Amino acid sequence: MSAVEDRLKELGLTVPEVATPVAAYVPALADGRRVYTSGQLPMVNGELAAIGKVGHGEGLVAPEKAAELAQVCALNAIAAVKSVVGDLDKVAQVVKVVGFVASDPSFTGQPGVINGASELLGKAFGDAGIHARSAVGVAVLPMDAPVEVEIIVALADD
């Protein structure tokens, strides 16, 4: 087990099986020292953990819940990276995180939602989890997911 997985275990988390793609793509792809993940939805055991738009009010996914879902997305992104590299200790740096939030038109708290992913990556990878990031509000995501996260990591030199 990698040090990353040990840190996740301390948080009560385990790296899940890589999520099955919902269309024609692969979960992650290596290109030299970089691994790029596809957008990861908040899938748990093959099902979306929640659906809908993020915002304040009845019928909307609360921002706090959406941040938890972004953490699930990040965990799925970690699984996608592991499916390519095998050992998560080969990750030298989380370089970039891009988070998409299916937002109610009045919702402007996308950065707080994507903090769920960023904070998990920091806890899992330590200093190597510090990254650049975008948090973008969108009208709709695949399967009506509230959040989607993709990451780019750099691998250590062999």
N, C-alpha and C. Protein backbone atom coordinates (compact mmCIF):
# COMPACT_ATOMS: atom_id res chain seq x y z
N MET A 1 0.84 -1.18 0.00
CA MET A 1 0.00 0.00 0.00
C MET A 1 0.88 1.24 0.00
N SER A 2 0.51 2.24 -0.77
CA SER A 2 1.29 3.46 -0.88
C SER A 2 1.07 4.37 0.32
N ALA A 3 1.97 5.33 0.50
CA ALA A 3 1.81 6.32 1.56
C ALA A 3 0.53 7.13 1.34
N VAL A 4 0.19 7.39 0.09
CA VAL A 4 -1.04 8.11 -0.24
C VAL A 4 -2.24 7.31 0.27
N GLU A 5 -2.26 6.03 -0.01
CA GLU A 5 -3.37 5.19 0.45
C GLU A 5 -3.40 5.08 1.97
N ASP A 6 -2.23 5.09 2.61
CA ASP A 6 -2.18 5.09 4.08
C ASP A 6 -2.82 6.36 4.63
N ARG A 7 -2.51 7.52 4.02
CA ARG A 7 -3.11 8.78 4.48
C ARG A 7 -4.62 8.77 4.27
N LEU A 8 -5.06 8.23 3.14
CA LEU A 8 -6.50 8.13 2.90
C LEU A 8 -7.16 7.21 3.93
N LYS A 9 -6.49 6.12 4.26
CA LYS A 9 -7.03 5.18 5.25
C LYS A 9 -7.21 5.87 6.59
N GLU A 10 -6.26 6.75 6.95
CA GLU A 10 -6.38 7.51 8.20
C GLU A 10 -7.62 8.40 8.19
N LEU A 11 -8.07 8.80 7.00
CA LEU A 11 -9.27 9.63 6.85
C LEU A 11 -10.54 8.77 6.74
N GLY A 12 -10.35 7.44 6.81
CA GLY A 12 -11.49 6.54 6.69
C GLY A 12 -11.89 6.29 5.25
N LEU A 13 -10.97 6.55 4.31
CA LEU A 13 -11.26 6.40 2.88
C LEU A 13 -10.35 5.34 2.26
N THR A 14 -10.85 4.72 1.20
CA THR A 14 -10.04 3.82 0.41
C THR A 14 -10.18 4.20 -1.05
N VAL A 15 -9.16 3.89 -1.82
CA VAL A 15 -9.21 4.15 -3.25
C VAL A 15 -10.18 3.15 -3.86
N PRO A 16 -11.24 3.64 -4.51
CA PRO A 16 -12.22 2.73 -5.08
C PRO A 16 -11.71 2.11 -6.39
N GLU A 17 -12.46 1.17 -6.91
CA GLU A 17 -12.21 0.70 -8.26
C GLU A 17 -12.43 1.88 -9.20
N VAL A 18 -11.67 1.93 -10.28
CA VAL A 18 -11.83 3.03 -11.22
C VAL A 18 -13.25 3.00 -11.79
N ALA A 19 -13.86 4.18 -11.87
CA ALA A 19 -15.23 4.29 -12.36
C ALA A 19 -15.28 3.91 -13.84
N THR A 20 -16.29 3.17 -14.20
CA THR A 20 -16.48 2.77 -15.59
C THR A 20 -16.89 3.98 -16.42
N PRO A 21 -16.22 4.24 -17.53
CA PRO A 21 -16.60 5.38 -18.37
C PRO A 21 -18.05 5.27 -18.84
N VAL A 22 -18.70 6.43 -18.95
CA VAL A 22 -20.09 6.46 -19.40
C VAL A 22 -20.21 6.75 -20.89
N ALA A 23 -19.07 6.87 -21.57
CA ALA A 23 -19.06 7.14 -23.02
C ALA A 23 -17.74 6.62 -23.59
N ALA A 24 -17.33 7.12 -24.75
CA ALA A 24 -16.15 6.63 -25.46
C ALA A 24 -14.88 7.37 -25.04
N TYR A 25 -14.30 6.99 -23.92
CA TYR A 25 -13.06 7.58 -23.42
C TYR A 25 -12.45 6.63 -22.40
N VAL A 26 -11.23 6.92 -21.97
CA VAL A 26 -10.59 6.15 -20.91
C VAL A 26 -10.56 7.01 -19.65
N PRO A 27 -10.52 6.39 -18.46
CA PRO A 27 -10.51 7.17 -17.22
C PRO A 27 -9.28 8.05 -17.04
N ALA A 28 -8.14 7.60 -17.55
CA ALA A 28 -6.90 8.37 -17.42
C ALA A 28 -5.93 7.93 -18.50
N LEU A 29 -5.02 8.84 -18.83
CA LEU A 29 -4.05 8.55 -19.87
C LEU A 29 -2.72 9.20 -19.50
N ALA A 30 -1.64 8.44 -19.61
CA ALA A 30 -0.30 8.97 -19.35
C ALA A 30 0.29 9.51 -20.63
N ASP A 31 1.00 10.63 -20.50
CA ASP A 31 1.74 11.23 -21.61
C ASP A 31 3.06 11.71 -21.04
N GLY A 32 4.08 10.91 -21.18
CA GLY A 32 5.37 11.24 -20.56
C GLY A 32 5.24 11.19 -19.05
N ARG A 33 5.64 12.26 -18.40
CA ARG A 33 5.58 12.34 -16.93
C ARG A 33 4.23 12.81 -16.42
N ARG A 34 3.28 13.06 -17.28
CA ARG A 34 1.97 13.57 -16.86
C ARG A 34 0.90 12.49 -17.03
N VAL A 35 -0.04 12.49 -16.10
CA VAL A 35 -1.24 11.67 -16.21
C VAL A 35 -2.42 12.62 -16.17
N TYR A 36 -3.27 12.50 -17.17
CA TYR A 36 -4.47 13.32 -17.30
C TYR A 36 -5.67 12.43 -17.03
N THR A 37 -6.53 12.85 -16.11
CA THR A 37 -7.75 12.08 -15.92
C THR A 37 -8.88 12.69 -16.73
N SER A 38 -9.80 11.85 -17.11
CA SER A 38 -11.06 12.34 -17.66
C SER A 38 -11.85 12.94 -16.50
N GLY A 39 -12.88 13.68 -16.83
CA GLY A 39 -13.74 14.21 -15.78
C GLY A 39 -14.35 13.08 -14.97
N GLN A 40 -14.24 13.19 -13.66
CA GLN A 40 -14.76 12.15 -12.76
C GLN A 40 -16.00 12.67 -12.06
N LEU A 41 -17.06 11.88 -12.13
CA LEU A 41 -18.31 12.21 -11.48
C LEU A 41 -18.33 11.63 -10.07
N PRO A 42 -19.28 12.06 -9.23
CA PRO A 42 -19.36 11.50 -7.87
C PRO A 42 -20.03 10.13 -7.86
N MET A 43 -19.36 9.17 -8.48
CA MET A 43 -19.87 7.80 -8.57
C MET A 43 -19.44 7.00 -7.34
N VAL A 44 -20.39 6.29 -6.76
CA VAL A 44 -20.12 5.39 -5.64
C VAL A 44 -20.77 4.06 -5.99
N ASN A 45 -19.96 3.03 -6.08
CA ASN A 45 -20.46 1.69 -6.44
C ASN A 45 -21.28 1.71 -7.73
N GLY A 46 -20.79 2.47 -8.71
CA GLY A 46 -21.41 2.49 -10.02
C GLY A 46 -22.63 3.38 -10.16
N GLU A 47 -22.98 4.12 -9.12
CA GLU A 47 -24.16 5.00 -9.14
C GLU A 47 -23.76 6.41 -8.74
N LEU A 48 -24.44 7.39 -9.32
CA LEU A 48 -24.23 8.77 -8.89
C LEU A 48 -24.69 8.92 -7.44
N ALA A 49 -23.89 9.57 -6.62
CA ALA A 49 -24.23 9.78 -5.22
C ALA A 49 -25.34 10.81 -5.05
N ALA A 50 -25.53 11.68 -6.03
CA ALA A 50 -26.58 12.69 -6.01
C ALA A 50 -26.74 13.23 -7.42
N ILE A 51 -27.87 13.86 -7.67
CA ILE A 51 -28.10 14.53 -8.95
C ILE A 51 -28.67 15.91 -8.69
N GLY A 52 -28.58 16.79 -9.69
CA GLY A 52 -29.21 18.09 -9.60
C GLY A 52 -28.24 19.25 -9.63
N LYS A 53 -28.81 20.43 -9.57
CA LYS A 53 -28.05 21.68 -9.60
C LYS A 53 -27.66 22.07 -8.18
N VAL A 54 -26.54 22.77 -8.07
CA VAL A 54 -26.04 23.23 -6.79
C VAL A 54 -26.53 24.66 -6.55
N GLY A 55 -26.95 24.89 -5.34
CA GLY A 55 -27.40 26.24 -4.97
C GLY A 55 -28.07 26.22 -3.61
N HIS A 56 -28.72 27.33 -3.30
CA HIS A 56 -29.42 27.48 -2.03
C HIS A 56 -30.92 27.42 -2.30
N GLY A 57 -31.60 26.54 -1.60
CA GLY A 57 -33.05 26.48 -1.75
C GLY A 57 -33.57 25.09 -1.97
N GLU A 58 -34.88 24.99 -1.92
CA GLU A 58 -35.55 23.71 -2.06
C GLU A 58 -35.29 23.10 -3.43
N GLY A 59 -35.00 21.82 -3.44
CA GLY A 59 -34.79 21.10 -4.68
C GLY A 59 -33.38 21.22 -5.25
N LEU A 60 -32.51 21.96 -4.57
CA LEU A 60 -31.13 22.14 -5.02
C LEU A 60 -30.18 21.37 -4.11
N VAL A 61 -29.03 20.99 -4.65
CA VAL A 61 -27.99 20.35 -3.86
C VAL A 61 -27.27 21.45 -3.07
N ALA A 62 -27.26 21.31 -1.76
CA ALA A 62 -26.61 22.32 -0.91
C ALA A 62 -25.12 22.37 -1.21
N PRO A 63 -24.53 23.56 -1.13
CA PRO A 63 -23.09 23.69 -1.40
C PRO A 63 -22.23 22.78 -0.54
N GLU A 64 -22.60 22.59 0.72
CA GLU A 64 -21.82 21.73 1.61
C GLU A 64 -21.86 20.28 1.12
N LYS A 65 -23.03 19.84 0.68
CA LYS A 65 -23.17 18.49 0.13
C LYS A 65 -22.37 18.38 -1.17
N ALA A 66 -22.42 19.43 -1.99
CA ALA A 66 -21.68 19.42 -3.25
C ALA A 66 -20.18 19.34 -3.00
N ALA A 67 -19.68 19.98 -1.94
CA ALA A 67 -18.26 19.88 -1.61
C ALA A 67 -17.90 18.45 -1.24
N GLU A 68 -18.79 17.75 -0.54
CA GLU A 68 -18.56 16.33 -0.23
C GLU A 68 -18.54 15.51 -1.52
N LEU A 69 -19.41 15.85 -2.45
CA LEU A 69 -19.44 15.15 -3.74
C LEU A 69 -18.17 15.42 -4.55
N ALA A 70 -17.64 16.64 -4.45
CA ALA A 70 -16.38 16.96 -5.12
C ALA A 70 -15.24 16.11 -4.55
N GLN A 71 -15.30 15.83 -3.26
CA GLN A 71 -14.31 14.94 -2.65
C GLN A 71 -14.42 13.55 -3.25
N VAL A 72 -15.64 13.07 -3.45
CA VAL A 72 -15.84 11.76 -4.08
C VAL A 72 -15.25 11.77 -5.49
N CYS A 73 -15.48 12.86 -6.22
CA CYS A 73 -14.90 12.98 -7.57
C CYS A 73 -13.38 12.90 -7.51
N ALA A 74 -12.77 13.59 -6.54
CA ALA A 74 -11.31 13.57 -6.40
C ALA A 74 -10.82 12.17 -6.07
N LEU A 75 -11.54 11.46 -5.23
CA LEU A 75 -11.16 10.09 -4.90
C LEU A 75 -11.24 9.22 -6.15
N ASN A 76 -12.25 9.44 -6.97
CA ASN A 76 -12.35 8.70 -8.23
C ASN A 76 -11.22 9.08 -9.19
N ALA A 77 -10.80 10.34 -9.16
CA ALA A 77 -9.66 10.76 -9.99
C ALA A 77 -8.38 10.08 -9.52
N ILE A 78 -8.21 9.96 -8.21
CA ILE A 78 -7.06 9.24 -7.66
C ILE A 78 -7.09 7.80 -8.15
N ALA A 79 -8.26 7.18 -8.14
CA ALA A 79 -8.39 5.80 -8.64
C ALA A 79 -8.00 5.72 -10.11
N ALA A 80 -8.40 6.72 -10.89
CA ALA A 80 -8.06 6.73 -12.32
C ALA A 80 -6.55 6.83 -12.51
N VAL A 81 -5.90 7.68 -11.71
CA VAL A 81 -4.44 7.79 -11.79
C VAL A 81 -3.80 6.46 -11.41
N LYS A 82 -4.27 5.86 -10.33
CA LYS A 82 -3.71 4.58 -9.88
C LYS A 82 -3.86 3.51 -10.96
N SER A 83 -4.96 3.55 -11.71
CA SER A 83 -5.17 2.54 -12.76
C SER A 83 -4.11 2.62 -13.86
N VAL A 84 -3.48 3.78 -13.99
CA VAL A 84 -2.43 3.98 -15.00
C VAL A 84 -1.04 3.73 -14.43
N VAL A 85 -0.79 4.22 -13.21
CA VAL A 85 0.58 4.16 -12.67
C VAL A 85 0.81 3.02 -11.68
N GLY A 86 -0.26 2.44 -11.16
CA GLY A 86 -0.12 1.34 -10.21
C GLY A 86 0.16 1.79 -8.79
N ASP A 87 1.23 2.52 -8.58
CA ASP A 87 1.66 2.96 -7.25
C ASP A 87 1.49 4.47 -7.16
N LEU A 88 0.61 4.93 -6.28
CA LEU A 88 0.36 6.37 -6.15
C LEU A 88 1.55 7.14 -5.61
N ASP A 89 2.52 6.45 -5.03
CA ASP A 89 3.73 7.14 -4.57
C ASP A 89 4.60 7.60 -5.74
N LYS A 90 4.27 7.19 -6.97
CA LYS A 90 4.97 7.69 -8.16
C LYS A 90 4.54 9.11 -8.51
N VAL A 91 3.45 9.60 -7.91
CA VAL A 91 2.97 10.96 -8.17
C VAL A 91 3.87 11.94 -7.44
N ALA A 92 4.54 12.80 -8.20
CA ALA A 92 5.41 13.81 -7.62
C ALA A 92 4.65 15.09 -7.29
N GLN A 93 3.58 15.37 -8.08
CA GLN A 93 2.85 16.63 -7.89
C GLN A 93 1.48 16.54 -8.53
N VAL A 94 0.47 16.99 -7.82
CA VAL A 94 -0.82 17.27 -8.45
C VAL A 94 -0.64 18.65 -9.07
N VAL A 95 -0.69 18.72 -10.38
CA VAL A 95 -0.37 19.95 -11.09
C VAL A 95 -1.59 20.85 -11.23
N LYS A 96 -2.72 20.27 -11.65
CA LYS A 96 -3.89 21.08 -11.98
C LYS A 96 -5.16 20.31 -11.63
N VAL A 97 -6.12 21.04 -11.11
CA VAL A 97 -7.46 20.52 -10.85
C VAL A 97 -8.44 21.42 -11.58
N VAL A 98 -9.35 20.80 -12.31
CA VAL A 98 -10.44 21.55 -12.94
C VAL A 98 -11.74 20.98 -12.40
N GLY A 99 -12.54 21.85 -11.80
CA GLY A 99 -13.81 21.42 -11.23
C GLY A 99 -14.97 22.13 -11.91
N PHE A 100 -15.99 21.36 -12.21
CA PHE A 100 -17.20 21.90 -12.83
C PHE A 100 -18.35 21.70 -11.85
N VAL A 101 -19.14 22.75 -11.68
CA VAL A 101 -20.28 22.71 -10.77
C VAL A 101 -21.54 23.04 -11.56
N ALA A 102 -22.48 22.10 -11.62
CA ALA A 102 -23.76 22.36 -12.26
C ALA A 102 -24.52 23.31 -11.33
N SER A 103 -24.62 24.55 -11.74
CA SER A 103 -25.05 25.61 -10.83
C SER A 103 -26.42 26.18 -11.15
N ASP A 104 -27.20 26.40 -10.11
CA ASP A 104 -28.38 27.23 -10.22
C ASP A 104 -27.89 28.60 -10.71
N PRO A 105 -28.66 29.30 -11.55
CA PRO A 105 -28.17 30.58 -12.10
C PRO A 105 -27.73 31.61 -11.06
N SER A 106 -28.28 31.55 -9.86
CA SER A 106 -27.91 32.54 -8.84
C SER A 106 -26.72 32.10 -7.98
N PHE A 107 -26.21 30.89 -8.18
CA PHE A 107 -25.14 30.36 -7.33
C PHE A 107 -23.78 30.80 -7.84
N THR A 108 -22.97 31.36 -6.94
CA THR A 108 -21.62 31.84 -7.30
C THR A 108 -20.53 31.25 -6.41
N GLY A 109 -20.84 30.19 -5.68
CA GLY A 109 -19.88 29.61 -4.74
C GLY A 109 -19.11 28.42 -5.26
N GLN A 110 -18.83 28.39 -6.55
CA GLN A 110 -18.13 27.25 -7.14
C GLN A 110 -16.77 26.98 -6.47
N PRO A 111 -15.97 28.01 -6.14
CA PRO A 111 -14.69 27.70 -5.50
C PRO A 111 -14.83 26.93 -4.19
N GLY A 112 -15.83 27.27 -3.40
CA GLY A 112 -16.05 26.56 -2.14
C GLY A 112 -16.42 25.11 -2.36
N VAL A 113 -17.20 24.85 -3.39
CA VAL A 113 -17.57 23.47 -3.71
C VAL A 113 -16.34 22.67 -4.10
N ILE A 114 -15.52 23.21 -4.98
CA ILE A 114 -14.36 22.48 -5.48
C ILE A 114 -13.28 22.37 -4.40
N ASN A 115 -13.38 23.17 -3.34
CA ASN A 115 -12.47 22.97 -2.21
C ASN A 115 -12.56 21.55 -1.67
N GLY A 116 -13.73 20.91 -1.80
CA GLY A 116 -13.84 19.52 -1.35
C GLY A 116 -12.82 18.63 -2.02
N ALA A 117 -12.63 18.83 -3.32
CA ALA A 117 -11.62 18.06 -4.06
C ALA A 117 -10.22 18.50 -3.68
N SER A 118 -9.98 19.80 -3.67
CA SER A 118 -8.64 20.32 -3.39
C SER A 118 -8.15 19.91 -2.01
N GLU A 119 -9.03 20.00 -1.03
CA GLU A 119 -8.62 19.65 0.33
C GLU A 119 -8.29 18.17 0.45
N LEU A 120 -9.07 17.31 -0.21
CA LEU A 120 -8.76 15.88 -0.17
C LEU A 120 -7.41 15.60 -0.83
N LEU A 121 -7.15 16.21 -1.97
CA LEU A 121 -5.87 16.00 -2.65
C LEU A 121 -4.71 16.45 -1.78
N GLY A 122 -4.88 17.55 -1.07
CA GLY A 122 -3.85 18.02 -0.14
C GLY A 122 -3.60 17.04 0.98
N LYS A 123 -4.68 16.49 1.54
CA LYS A 123 -4.52 15.52 2.62
C LYS A 123 -3.90 14.22 2.11
N ALA A 124 -4.28 13.81 0.92
CA ALA A 124 -3.78 12.54 0.38
C ALA A 124 -2.32 12.63 -0.05
N PHE A 125 -1.95 13.72 -0.71
CA PHE A 125 -0.61 13.83 -1.29
C PHE A 125 0.33 14.75 -0.52
N GLY A 126 -0.14 15.37 0.56
CA GLY A 126 0.71 16.28 1.32
C GLY A 126 1.11 17.47 0.47
N ASP A 127 2.35 17.91 0.59
CA ASP A 127 2.83 19.06 -0.20
C ASP A 127 2.70 18.82 -1.70
N ALA A 128 2.78 17.58 -2.13
CA ALA A 128 2.63 17.26 -3.56
C ALA A 128 1.19 17.44 -4.03
N GLY A 129 0.28 17.67 -3.11
CA GLY A 129 -1.12 17.89 -3.47
C GLY A 129 -1.47 19.34 -3.72
N ILE A 130 -0.51 20.25 -3.52
CA ILE A 130 -0.75 21.68 -3.78
C ILE A 130 -0.79 21.87 -5.30
N HIS A 131 -1.81 22.55 -5.80
CA HIS A 131 -2.04 22.58 -7.24
C HIS A 131 -2.65 23.90 -7.71
N ALA A 132 -2.56 24.12 -9.01
CA ALA A 132 -3.31 25.19 -9.66
C ALA A 132 -4.73 24.67 -9.88
N ARG A 133 -5.71 25.59 -10.05
CA ARG A 133 -7.09 25.11 -10.11
C ARG A 133 -8.01 26.08 -10.82
N SER A 134 -9.03 25.51 -11.45
CA SER A 134 -10.16 26.28 -11.96
C SER A 134 -11.43 25.68 -11.38
N ALA A 135 -12.39 26.54 -11.04
CA ALA A 135 -13.70 26.10 -10.55
C ALA A 135 -14.73 26.84 -11.40
N VAL A 136 -15.46 26.07 -12.19
CA VAL A 136 -16.31 26.65 -13.21
C VAL A 136 -17.77 26.26 -12.99
N GLY A 137 -18.66 27.23 -13.07
CA GLY A 137 -20.09 26.95 -13.02
C GLY A 137 -20.60 26.64 -14.42
N VAL A 138 -21.39 25.57 -14.54
CA VAL A 138 -21.95 25.16 -15.83
C VAL A 138 -23.44 24.91 -15.68
N ALA A 139 -24.14 24.90 -16.81
CA ALA A 139 -25.59 24.70 -16.81
C ALA A 139 -25.98 23.27 -16.47
N VAL A 140 -25.24 22.31 -17.00
CA VAL A 140 -25.58 20.90 -16.76
C VAL A 140 -24.34 20.06 -16.97
N LEU A 141 -24.29 18.93 -16.25
CA LEU A 141 -23.20 17.97 -16.37
C LEU A 141 -23.78 16.62 -16.77
N PRO A 142 -22.92 15.70 -17.23
CA PRO A 142 -23.41 14.38 -17.64
C PRO A 142 -24.26 13.72 -16.55
N MET A 143 -25.35 13.11 -16.97
CA MET A 143 -26.24 12.35 -16.09
C MET A 143 -26.85 13.21 -14.98
N ASP A 144 -26.82 14.53 -15.14
CA ASP A 144 -27.33 15.50 -14.17
C ASP A 144 -26.52 15.51 -12.87
N ALA A 145 -25.23 15.15 -12.99
CA ALA A 145 -24.35 15.19 -11.82
C ALA A 145 -24.18 16.64 -11.34
N PRO A 146 -24.07 16.84 -10.03
CA PRO A 146 -23.86 18.20 -9.51
C PRO A 146 -22.43 18.72 -9.71
N VAL A 147 -21.45 17.80 -9.71
CA VAL A 147 -20.05 18.20 -9.83
C VAL A 147 -19.29 17.20 -10.68
N GLU A 148 -18.18 17.68 -11.24
CA GLU A 148 -17.26 16.85 -12.01
C GLU A 148 -15.86 17.42 -11.78
N VAL A 149 -14.89 16.53 -11.62
CA VAL A 149 -13.51 16.96 -11.35
C VAL A 149 -12.55 16.19 -12.23
N GLU A 150 -11.58 16.89 -12.80
CA GLU A 150 -10.49 16.24 -13.52
C GLU A 150 -9.18 16.76 -12.95
N ILE A 151 -8.15 15.92 -13.00
CA ILE A 151 -6.84 16.34 -12.48
C ILE A 151 -5.74 15.98 -13.46
N ILE A 152 -4.64 16.70 -13.32
CA ILE A 152 -3.40 16.39 -14.03
C ILE A 152 -2.34 16.22 -12.96
N VAL A 153 -1.61 15.12 -13.02
CA VAL A 153 -0.51 14.89 -12.09
C VAL A 153 0.79 14.70 -12.83
N ALA A 154 1.88 15.06 -12.17
CA ALA A 154 3.23 14.82 -12.68
C ALA A 154 3.81 13.65 -11.92
N LEU A 155 4.47 12.77 -12.65
CA LEU A 155 5.10 11.61 -12.05
C LEU A 155 6.57 11.90 -11.74
N ALA A 156 7.08 11.21 -10.74
CA ALA A 156 8.49 11.35 -10.39
C ALA A 156 9.35 10.78 -11.52
N ASP A 157 10.55 11.32 -11.68
CA ASP A 157 11.49 10.75 -12.64
C ASP A 157 11.86 9.35 -12.17
N ASP A 158 11.98 8.44 -13.12
CA ASP A 158 12.37 7.07 -12.75
C ASP A 158 13.82 6.95 -12.45
